[in-house]
Amino acid sequence: MPQRLFLGSAGLGALPSWLDGLPGEPRRALLIPTAATPLPSAPYVQVADDLLRAEGLEVERLDLEHASRQDVRQALDRAQVVFVCGGFAMFLLEHAQRSGFAQLAAEAVREGRLAYAGISAGAALAGPDLRTFEDLDDPGRPDGTAGMGLVPFIVLAHRNRGRAERHDRLAADASGRFVSINDDQVITVVGDRWSLESSPTHSATGRS
């Protein structure tokens, strides 16, 4: 079964139809809020939780900062969808590495056992490398910057927030390696094919 991903910037408007299109009628989602936990407020985490529940999914939250490899393995085994929230990309990467999430989730997604939805930092985590997101304000200290490698490109979120010039410069310096998206856009992936779609903002997500 081909891998399926939903890689967004902020808008969750397209999430319900993406969930409807998943094979096997998923019943349970694993919500990863870790990138947002250092922030003083991250209401978009609850927005994502509420939307997943509104679509008929049971939702389990797992903060990777405090999770063991066994915790991650068991939680992934119970889920058919994982939703990774936005926030601090390096902090997310550090704990995705330490907890084993980056490896275990990537294996499950590639095998078609788990669908992956990521917003902002969560979308970046699915790519090959997160060096672009290094930031002095980010408390994360990962062991290297390699991402999950589920897609060959790096998602640059929030293009419409004054970042277009920087995004275009990065893309010009590394042809095809970066994909820049606005808050109302999402990249959907089936197997090794991807497409850019509209996803209106649903009071959702992401700092990075």
Foldseek 3Di string as FASTA:
>chain_A
DWFKEKEAAFFAQCVLVSQVPQPPNWAAEEEEAQQCVVPPDACQSVVVVVVCVVSRHHYDYDHLVPAALVRLLVVLVNGQEYEYAAHQLQRVQQSCVRRVVLPNVLVCRRVNSHHYYYYASGNQLCEQFDPVRDDPVRPHDHPHTGHSHNAHAGEHHACVPVCVVVQVVVCVVPPPRYDYDHNQWIWMDTHHDIDIDGGDHPVHHYDD
